[in-house]
Amino acid sequence: MQVADLYVRVSTDEQTKGYSPRSQEAVLRQYCQLRNITVRQFFYEDYTAKHFNRPEWRKLMIILRKQRGKTDLLLFTKWDRFSRNTSDAYQMITTLKRLGVEPQAVEQPLDLSIPENKMMLAIYLTAPEIENDRRGLNTKAGIRQAKKEGRYRGKAPKGYINKAYENGRRYIDIKEPEASIMRWAFQEMSEGLYSAEAIMRVANERGLGMDKNTFLISMCNPVYSGRSVCLPMSMNRRNWFRACIRL
């Protein structure tokens, strides 16, 4: 009787689209039951498949190496649950085979001993990778266009808060008391009388709640000057801080 380890993976954004880990687990266990395959271990991953540097996958590989010969199959529902990176996937398949483990997608079964099936494997692995690349390009294009239109995308900087209109269009708005504290900090920085660390300490005493690194990065954030795109830092430091008092 064959012995299998089960691997279920969903990414954070996929969970909102109905890729239920319970559904995947049910499919895998039913597959094993119908074929008299003994289930040894179950691994649930909530992580991206762009690489294999995943917490549960690392744990799985440690176990497979330490308990070599105790697992015959590594089962998952589809190949995109296994990986969304073609080159990494081929290398990992080779590694698993050296450990005596056959990876298999129960809903996209392939006999990898047949050379022609490697073409189908390439399709199963490449399609999700292409989808990831296209989504990334579309996201970058959307962010670029939003910045051109003067809209801010992403988490609002300190002193602002993310909001949305009824039509779903997002924007950032003033958030007190952080906004007043940041305005005071920029005013003090523009005068140049005290160090950034001294100003940060007073700001934190007033309730800002920032570490040194975050504070220094915030002091150079172009959003505080009323712009949503990066600016060339050609102006001197005092003029820059004066421009940022617009918060």
C-alpha atoms as a PDB file:
ATOM      1  CA  MET A   1       0.000   0.000   0.000  1.00  0.00           C
ATOM      2  CA  GLN A   2       1.320   3.430  -0.945  1.00  0.00           C
ATOM      3  CA  VAL A   3       1.843   6.155   1.636  1.00  0.00           C
ATOM      4  CA  ALA A   4       1.188   9.812   0.849  1.00  0.00           C
ATOM      5  CA  ASP A   5       1.708  13.214   2.392  1.00  0.00           C
ATOM      6  CA  LEU A   6      -0.961  15.788   1.539  1.00  0.00           C
ATOM      7  CA  TYR A   7      -0.129  19.396   0.696  1.00  0.00           C
ATOM      8  CA  VAL A   8      -2.757  22.142   0.591  1.00  0.00           C
ATOM      9  CA  ARG A   9      -1.842  25.712  -0.327  1.00  0.00           C
ATOM     10  CA  VAL A  10      -3.756  28.962  -0.664  1.00  0.00           C
ATOM     11  CA  SER A  11      -2.415  32.492  -0.820  1.00  0.00           C
ATOM     12  CA  THR A  12      -4.051  35.281   1.194  1.00  0.00           C
ATOM     13  CA  ASP A  13      -5.825  36.854  -1.790  1.00  0.00           C
ATOM     14  CA  GLU A  14      -7.021  33.461  -3.050  1.00  0.00           C
ATOM     15  CA  GLN A  15      -8.875  32.734   0.189  1.00  0.00           C
ATOM     16  CA  THR A  16     -11.238  35.627  -0.569  1.00  0.00           C
ATOM     17  CA  LYS A  17     -12.001  34.057  -3.962  1.00  0.00           C
ATOM     18  CA  GLY A  18     -13.182  30.735  -2.551  1.00  0.00           C
ATOM     19  CA  TYR A  19     -10.053  28.574  -2.798  1.00  0.00           C
ATOM     20  CA  SER A  20     -10.984  26.792   0.403  1.00  0.00           C
ATOM     21  CA  PRO A  21      -8.253  24.727   2.086  1.00  0.00           C
ATOM     22  CA  ARG A  22     -10.981  22.445   3.499  1.00  0.00           C
ATOM     23  CA  SER A  23     -12.208  21.768  -0.028  1.00  0.00           C
ATOM     24  CA  GLN A  24      -8.711  20.863  -1.198  1.00  0.00           C
ATOM     25  CA  GLU A  25      -8.175  18.593   1.778  1.00  0.00           C
ATOM     26  CA  ALA A  26     -11.483  16.808   1.153  1.00  0.00           C
ATOM     27  CA  VAL A  27     -10.552  16.151  -2.485  1.00  0.00           C
ATOM     28  CA  LEU A  28      -7.151  14.744  -1.505  1.00  0.00           C
ATOM     29  CA  ARG A  29      -8.477  12.502   1.249  1.00  0.00           C
ATOM     30  CA  GLN A  30     -11.220  11.143  -1.005  1.00  0.00           C
ATOM     31  CA  TYR A  31      -8.619  10.423  -3.683  1.00  0.00           C
ATOM     32  CA  CYS A  32      -6.539   8.452  -1.184  1.00  0.00           C
ATOM     33  CA  GLN A  33      -9.551   6.573   0.168  1.00  0.00           C
ATOM     34  CA  LEU A  34     -10.661   5.427  -3.295  1.00  0.00           C
ATOM     35  CA  ARG A  35      -7.162   4.167  -4.136  1.00  0.00           C
ATOM     36  CA  ASN A  36      -6.297   2.655  -0.740  1.00  0.00           C
ATOM     37  CA  ILE A  37      -3.489   5.147  -0.173  1.00  0.00           C
ATOM     38  CA  THR A  38      -2.462   5.682   3.445  1.00  0.00           C
ATOM     39  CA  VAL A  39      -2.293   9.315   4.482  1.00  0.00           C
ATOM     40  CA  ARG A  40       0.769   9.961   6.636  1.00  0.00           C
ATOM     41  CA  GLN A  41       0.912  13.720   7.151  1.00  0.00           C
ATOM     42  CA  PHE A  42      -1.060  16.804   6.162  1.00  0.00           C
ATOM     43  CA  PHE A  43       0.495  20.207   5.452  1.00  0.00           C
ATOM     44  CA  TYR A  44      -1.474  23.419   5.096  1.00  0.00           C
ATOM     45  CA  GLU A  45       0.267  26.453   3.592  1.00  0.00           C
ATOM     46  CA  ASP A  46      -0.987  30.028   3.476  1.00  0.00           C
ATOM     47  CA  TYR A  47       1.760  31.464   1.299  1.00  0.00           C
ATOM     48  CA  THR A  48       2.699  32.447  -2.230  1.00  0.00           C
ATOM     49  CA  ALA A  49       3.841  29.802  -4.722  1.00  0.00           C
ATOM     50  CA  LYS A  50       6.289  32.084  -6.551  1.00  0.00           C
ATOM     51  CA  HIS A  51       9.111  30.261  -4.753  1.00  0.00           C
ATOM     52  CA  PHE A  52       9.637  27.321  -2.401  1.00  0.00           C
ATOM     53  CA  ASN A  53      10.866  29.394   0.522  1.00  0.00           C
ATOM     54  CA  ARG A  54       7.601  28.745   2.356  1.00  0.00           C
ATOM     55  CA  PRO A  55       7.308  27.859   6.066  1.00  0.00           C
ATOM     56  CA  GLU A  56       5.322  24.638   5.705  1.00  0.00           C
ATOM     57  CA  TRP A  57       7.214  23.543   2.596  1.00  0.00           C
ATOM     58  CA  ARG A  58      10.533  23.894   4.435  1.00  0.00           C
ATOM     59  CA  LYS A  59       9.112  21.789   7.269  1.00  0.00           C
ATOM     60  CA  LEU A  60       7.887  19.196   4.757  1.00  0.00           C
ATOM     61  CA  MET A  61      11.303  18.901   3.087  1.00  0.00           C
ATOM     62  CA  ILE A  62      13.060  18.487   6.435  1.00  0.00           C
ATOM     63  CA  ILE A  63      10.721  15.620   7.327  1.00  0.00           C
ATOM     64  CA  LEU A  64      11.111  13.952   3.922  1.00  0.00           C
ATOM     65  CA  ARG A  65      14.897  14.046   4.222  1.00  0.00           C
ATOM     66  CA  LYS A  66      14.945  12.794   7.814  1.00  0.00           C
ATOM     67  CA  GLN A  67      12.336  10.085   7.195  1.00  0.00           C
ATOM     68  CA  ARG A  68      13.483   9.043   3.755  1.00  0.00           C
ATOM     69  CA  GLY A  69      11.616   6.087   2.305  1.00  0.00           C
ATOM     70  CA  LYS A  70       8.501   6.468   4.461  1.00  0.00           C
ATOM     71  CA  THR A  71       6.539   8.523   1.908  1.00  0.00           C
ATOM     72  CA  ASP A  72       5.804   7.413  -1.656  1.00  0.00           C
ATOM     73  CA  LEU A  73       3.598  10.263  -2.865  1.00  0.00           C
ATOM     74  CA  LEU A  74       3.221  13.982  -2.315  1.00  0.00           C
ATOM     75  CA  LEU A  75      -0.324  14.889  -3.321  1.00  0.00           C
ATOM     76  CA  PHE A  76      -1.898  18.267  -4.049  1.00  0.00           C
ATOM     77  CA  THR A  77      -4.989  19.211  -6.041  1.00  0.00           C
ATOM     78  CA  LYS A  78      -3.445  21.142  -8.972  1.00  0.00           C
ATOM     79  CA  TRP A  79       0.034  22.013 -10.129  1.00  0.00           C
ATOM     80  CA  ASP A  80      -0.412  25.692  -9.278  1.00  0.00           C
ATOM     81  CA  ARG A  81      -0.861  24.587  -5.639  1.00  0.00           C
ATOM     82  CA  PHE A  82       2.631  23.083  -5.970  1.00  0.00           C
ATOM     83  CA  SER A  83       4.346  25.995  -7.714  1.00  0.00           C
ATOM     84  CA  ARG A  84       3.864  29.053  -9.915  1.00  0.00           C
ATOM     85  CA  ASN A  85       7.496  29.175 -10.979  1.00  0.00           C
ATOM     86  CA  THR A  86       8.404  26.827 -13.829  1.00  0.00           C
ATOM     87  CA  SER A  87      12.166  26.592 -13.344  1.00  0.00           C
ATOM     88  CA  ASP A  88      11.899  26.164  -9.548  1.00  0.00           C
ATOM     89  CA  ALA A  89       9.181  23.545 -10.004  1.00  0.00           C
ATOM     90  CA  TYR A  90      11.330  21.342 -12.273  1.00  0.00           C
ATOM     91  CA  GLN A  91      14.219  21.502  -9.821  1.00  0.00           C
ATOM     92  CA  MET A  92      11.949  20.601  -6.905  1.00  0.00           C
ATOM     93  CA  ILE A  93      10.417  17.668  -8.811  1.00  0.00           C
ATOM     94  CA  THR A  94      13.939  16.337  -9.372  1.00  0.00           C
ATOM     95  CA  THR A  95      14.774  16.789  -5.670  1.00  0.00           C
ATOM     96  CA  LEU A  96      11.624  14.944  -4.595  1.00  0.00           C
ATOM     97  CA  LYS A  97      12.320  12.056  -6.949  1.00  0.00           C
ATOM     98  CA  ARG A  98      15.803  11.694  -5.482  1.00  0.00           C
ATOM     99  CA  LEU A  99      14.117  11.320  -2.098  1.00  0.00           C
ATOM    100  CA  GLY A 100      11.883   8.601  -3.524  1.00  0.00           C
ATOM    101  CA  VAL A 101       8.769  10.810  -3.511  1.00  0.00           C
ATOM    102  CA  GLU A 102       6.517  11.260  -6.531  1.00  0.00           C
ATOM    103  CA  PRO A 103       4.701  14.635  -6.668  1.00  0.00           C
ATOM    104  CA  GLN A 104       1.231  14.412  -8.199  1.00  0.00           C
ATOM    105  CA  ALA A 105      -1.711  16.744  -8.778  1.00  0.00           C
ATOM    106  CA  VAL A 106      -4.846  14.649  -8.325  1.00  0.00           C
ATOM    107  CA  GLU A 107      -6.988  16.901 -10.554  1.00  0.00           C
ATOM    108  CA  GLN A 108      -4.277  17.183 -13.226  1.00  0.00           C
ATOM    109  CA  PRO A 109      -2.639  13.736 -13.078  1.00  0.00           C
ATOM    110  CA  LEU A 110       0.489  13.188 -15.156  1.00  0.00           C
ATOM    111  CA  ASP A 111       2.723  10.164 -15.538  1.00  0.00           C
ATOM    112  CA  LEU A 112       6.059  11.944 -15.694  1.00  0.00           C
ATOM    113  CA  SER A 113       7.807   8.777 -16.855  1.00  0.00           C
ATOM    114  CA  ILE A 114       6.166   9.420 -20.239  1.00  0.00           C
ATOM    115  CA  PRO A 115       8.227  12.102 -22.041  1.00  0.00           C
ATOM    116  CA  GLU A 116       5.212  13.662 -23.803  1.00  0.00           C
ATOM    117  CA  ASN A 117       3.563  14.413 -20.461  1.00  0.00           C
ATOM    118  CA  LYS A 118       6.352  16.843 -19.657  1.00  0.00           C
ATOM    119  CA  MET A 119       4.812  19.134 -22.263  1.00  0.00           C
ATOM    120  CA  MET A 120       1.514  19.135 -20.375  1.00  0.00           C
ATOM    121  CA  LEU A 121       3.399  19.732 -17.132  1.00  0.00           C
ATOM    122  CA  ALA A 122       5.024  22.801 -18.700  1.00  0.00           C
ATOM    123  CA  ILE A 123       1.571  24.133 -19.614  1.00  0.00           C
ATOM    124  CA  TYR A 124       0.177  23.538 -16.108  1.00  0.00           C
ATOM    125  CA  LEU A 125       3.162  25.291 -14.532  1.00  0.00           C
ATOM    126  CA  THR A 126       3.587  28.120 -17.033  1.00  0.00           C
ATOM    127  CA  ALA A 127      -0.050  29.287 -17.181  1.00  0.00           C
ATOM    128  CA  PRO A 128      -0.158  30.402 -13.487  1.00  0.00           C
ATOM    129  CA  GLU A 129       3.285  32.014 -13.837  1.00  0.00           C
ATOM    130  CA  ILE A 130       2.091  34.022 -16.842  1.00  0.00           C
ATOM    131  CA  GLU A 131      -1.023  35.009 -14.888  1.00  0.00           C
ATOM    132  CA  ASN A 132       1.161  36.258 -12.004  1.00  0.00           C
ATOM    133  CA  ASP A 133       3.393  38.258 -14.347  1.00  0.00           C
ATOM    134  CA  ARG A 134       0.411  39.834 -16.117  1.00  0.00           C
ATOM    135  CA  ARG A 135      -1.254  40.732 -12.810  1.00  0.00           C
ATOM    136  CA  GLY A 136       1.978  42.355 -11.664  1.00  0.00           C
ATOM    137  CA  LEU A 137       2.246  44.447 -14.846  1.00  0.00           C
ATOM    138  CA  ASN A 138      -1.399  45.514 -14.582  1.00  0.00           C
ATOM    139  CA  THR A 139      -0.927  46.507 -10.949  1.00  0.00           C
ATOM    140  CA  LYS A 140       2.142  48.596 -11.758  1.00  0.00           C
ATOM    141  CA  ALA A 141       0.326  50.271 -14.638  1.00  0.00           C
ATOM    142  CA  GLY A 142      -2.652  51.059 -12.396  1.00  0.00           C
ATOM    143  CA  ILE A 143      -0.418  52.563  -9.695  1.00  0.00           C
ATOM    144  CA  ARG A 144       1.462  54.632 -12.277  1.00  0.00           C
ATOM    145  CA  GLN A 145      -1.779  55.986 -13.764  1.00  0.00           C
ATOM    146  CA  ALA A 146      -3.208  56.745 -10.323  1.00  0.00           C
ATOM    147  CA  LYS A 147      -0.117  58.777  -9.476  1.00  0.00           C
ATOM    148  CA  LYS A 148      -0.407  60.697 -12.745  1.00  0.00           C
ATOM    149  CA  GLU A 149      -3.979  61.587 -11.768  1.00  0.00           C
ATOM    150  CA  GLY A 150      -2.836  62.758  -8.341  1.00  0.00           C
ATOM    151  CA  ARG A 151      -4.293  59.808  -6.441  1.00  0.00           C
ATOM    152  CA  TYR A 152      -2.369  57.959  -3.737  1.00  0.00           C
ATOM    153  CA  ARG A 153      -2.270  54.155  -3.749  1.00  0.00           C
ATOM    154  CA  GLY A 154      -1.096  52.071  -0.840  1.00  0.00           C
ATOM    155  CA  LYS A 155      -1.124  52.454   2.914  1.00  0.00           C
ATOM    156  CA  ALA A 156      -1.566  56.063   3.973  1.00  0.00           C
ATOM    157  CA  PRO A 157       1.497  57.658   5.602  1.00  0.00           C
ATOM    158  CA  LYS A 158       1.420  58.814   9.212  1.00  0.00           C
ATOM    159  CA  GLY A 159      -1.032  61.666   9.643  1.00  0.00           C
ATOM    160  CA  TYR A 160      -3.324  60.420   6.892  1.00  0.00           C
ATOM    161  CA  ILE A 161      -5.948  57.663   6.694  1.00  0.00           C
ATOM    162  CA  ASN A 162      -7.164  55.571   3.763  1.00  0.00           C
ATOM    163  CA  LYS A 163     -10.760  56.252   2.700  1.00  0.00           C
ATOM    164  CA  ALA A 164     -12.966  55.571  -0.302  1.00  0.00           C
ATOM    165  CA  TYR A 165     -15.818  57.358  -2.047  1.00  0.00           C
ATOM    166  CA  GLU A 166     -19.151  55.611  -2.632  1.00  0.00           C
ATOM    167  CA  ASN A 167     -18.046  54.720  -6.172  1.00  0.00           C
ATOM    168  CA  GLY A 168     -15.074  52.849  -4.708  1.00  0.00           C
ATOM    169  CA  ARG A 169     -12.411  55.381  -5.664  1.00  0.00           C
ATOM    170  CA  ARG A 170      -9.798  55.512  -2.932  1.00  0.00           C
ATOM    171  CA  TYR A 171      -8.201  58.579  -1.414  1.00  0.00           C
ATOM    172  CA  ILE A 172      -6.345  59.662   1.733  1.00  0.00           C
ATOM    173  CA  ASP A 173      -7.623  62.143   4.280  1.00  0.00           C
ATOM    174  CA  ILE A 174      -6.188  63.973   7.291  1.00  0.00           C
ATOM    175  CA  LYS A 175      -6.076  61.979  10.523  1.00  0.00           C
ATOM    176  CA  GLU A 176      -5.753  63.760  13.832  1.00  0.00           C
ATOM    177  CA  PRO A 177      -3.883  64.062  16.145  1.00  0.00           C
ATOM    178  CA  GLU A 178      -1.080  62.482  14.080  1.00  0.00           C
ATOM    179  CA  ALA A 179      -1.431  65.118  11.328  1.00  0.00           C
ATOM    180  CA  SER A 180      -0.838  68.003  13.739  1.00  0.00           C
ATOM    181  CA  ILE A 181       2.181  66.241  15.232  1.00  0.00           C
ATOM    182  CA  MET A 182       3.683  65.580  11.793  1.00  0.00           C
ATOM    183  CA  ARG A 183       3.029  69.197  10.789  1.00  0.00           C
ATOM    184  CA  TRP A 184       4.880  70.321  13.933  1.00  0.00           C
ATOM    185  CA  ALA A 185       7.756  67.931  13.161  1.00  0.00           C
ATOM    186  CA  PHE A 186       8.195  69.333   9.647  1.00  0.00           C
ATOM    187  CA  GLN A 187       8.100  72.871  11.047  1.00  0.00           C
ATOM    188  CA  GLU A 188      10.848  72.035  13.527  1.00  0.00           C
ATOM    189  CA  MET A 189      12.915  70.277  10.862  1.00  0.00           C
ATOM    190  CA  SER A 190      12.641  73.320   8.573  1.00  0.00           C
ATOM    191  CA  GLU A 191      14.059  75.592  11.274  1.00  0.00           C
ATOM    192  CA  GLY A 192      17.094  73.359  11.727  1.00  0.00           C
ATOM    193  CA  LEU A 193      17.543  74.072  15.431  1.00  0.00           C
ATOM    194  CA  TYR A 194      17.217  70.499  16.708  1.00  0.00           C
ATOM    195  CA  SER A 195      18.295  67.089  15.456  1.00  0.00           C
ATOM    196  CA  ALA A 196      15.813  64.741  13.824  1.00  0.00           C
ATOM    197  CA  GLU A 197      16.174  62.324  16.755  1.00  0.00           C
ATOM    198  CA  ALA A 198      15.327  65.047  19.293  1.00  0.00           C
ATOM    199  CA  ILE A 199      12.282  66.100  17.276  1.00  0.00           C
ATOM    200  CA  MET A 200      11.207  62.455  16.967  1.00  0.00           C
ATOM    201  CA  ARG A 201      11.415  61.940  20.744  1.00  0.00           C
ATOM    202  CA  VAL A 202       9.161  64.933  21.421  1.00  0.00           C
ATOM    203  CA  ALA A 203       6.762  63.828  18.651  1.00  0.00           C
ATOM    204  CA  ASN A 204       6.525  60.368  20.195  1.00  0.00           C
ATOM    205  CA  GLU A 205       5.850  61.893  23.607  1.00  0.00           C
ATOM    206  CA  ARG A 206       2.932  63.687  21.954  1.00  0.00           C
ATOM    207  CA  GLY A 207       1.602  60.367  20.654  1.00  0.00           C
ATOM    208  CA  LEU A 208       3.155  59.896  17.190  1.00  0.00           C
ATOM    209  CA  GLY A 209       4.552  56.411  17.829  1.00  0.00           C
ATOM    210  CA  MET A 210       7.373  56.068  15.282  1.00  0.00           C
ATOM    211  CA  ASP A 211      10.797  54.443  15.397  1.00  0.00           C
ATOM    212  CA  LYS A 212      13.842  56.357  14.198  1.00  0.00           C
ATOM    213  CA  ASN A 213      14.119  54.704  10.791  1.00  0.00           C
ATOM    214  CA  THR A 214      10.424  55.183   9.954  1.00  0.00           C
ATOM    215  CA  PHE A 215      10.554  58.800  11.090  1.00  0.00           C
ATOM    216  CA  LEU A 216      13.550  59.611   8.887  1.00  0.00           C
ATOM    217  CA  ILE A 217      11.933  57.922   5.874  1.00  0.00           C
ATOM    218  CA  SER A 218       8.716  59.864   6.508  1.00  0.00           C
ATOM    219  CA  MET A 219      10.636  63.128   6.491  1.00  0.00           C
ATOM    220  CA  CYS A 220      11.504  62.422   2.822  1.00  0.00           C
ATOM    221  CA  ASN A 221       8.064  61.188   1.747  1.00  0.00           C
ATOM    222  CA  PRO A 222       6.852  63.384  -1.189  1.00  0.00           C
ATOM    223  CA  VAL A 223       3.206  62.860  -0.180  1.00  0.00           C
ATOM    224  CA  TYR A 224       3.670  65.344   2.671  1.00  0.00           C
ATOM    225  CA  SER A 225       4.469  68.061   0.109  1.00  0.00           C
ATOM    226  CA  GLY A 226       1.067  67.552  -1.485  1.00  0.00           C
ATOM    227  CA  ARG A 227       2.236  65.348  -4.342  1.00  0.00           C
ATOM    228  CA  SER A 228       1.656  61.651  -4.926  1.00  0.00           C
ATOM    229  CA  VAL A 229       4.676  61.035  -7.155  1.00  0.00           C
ATOM    230  CA  CYS A 230       8.359  61.017  -6.352  1.00  0.00           C
ATOM    231  CA  LEU A 231      10.123  64.347  -6.776  1.00  0.00           C
ATOM    232  CA  PRO A 232      13.743  65.095  -7.549  1.00  0.00           C
ATOM    233  CA  MET A 233      15.368  66.184  -4.313  1.00  0.00           C
ATOM    234  CA  SER A 234      16.946  69.263  -5.924  1.00  0.00           C
ATOM    235  CA  MET A 235      15.694  71.778  -3.345  1.00  0.00           C
ATOM    236  CA  ASN A 236      17.680  72.243  -0.164  1.00  0.00           C
ATOM    237  CA  ARG A 237      16.559  70.471   2.991  1.00  0.00           C
ATOM    238  CA  ARG A 238      14.948  73.449   4.716  1.00  0.00           C
ATOM    239  CA  ASN A 239      12.842  74.336   1.653  1.00  0.00           C
ATOM    240  CA  TRP A 240      11.842  70.681   1.393  1.00  0.00           C
ATOM    241  CA  PHE A 241      10.588  70.578   4.983  1.00  0.00           C
ATOM    242  CA  ARG A 242       8.796  73.884   4.545  1.00  0.00           C
ATOM    243  CA  ALA A 243       7.014  72.429   1.487  1.00  0.00           C
ATOM    244  CA  CYS A 244       5.934  69.423   3.572  1.00  0.00           C
ATOM    245  CA  ILE A 245       4.205  71.592   6.203  1.00  0.00           C
ATOM    246  CA  ARG A 246       1.234  71.515   3.805  1.00  0.00           C
ATOM    247  CA  LEU A 247      -0.042  68.418   5.638  1.00  0.00           C
END
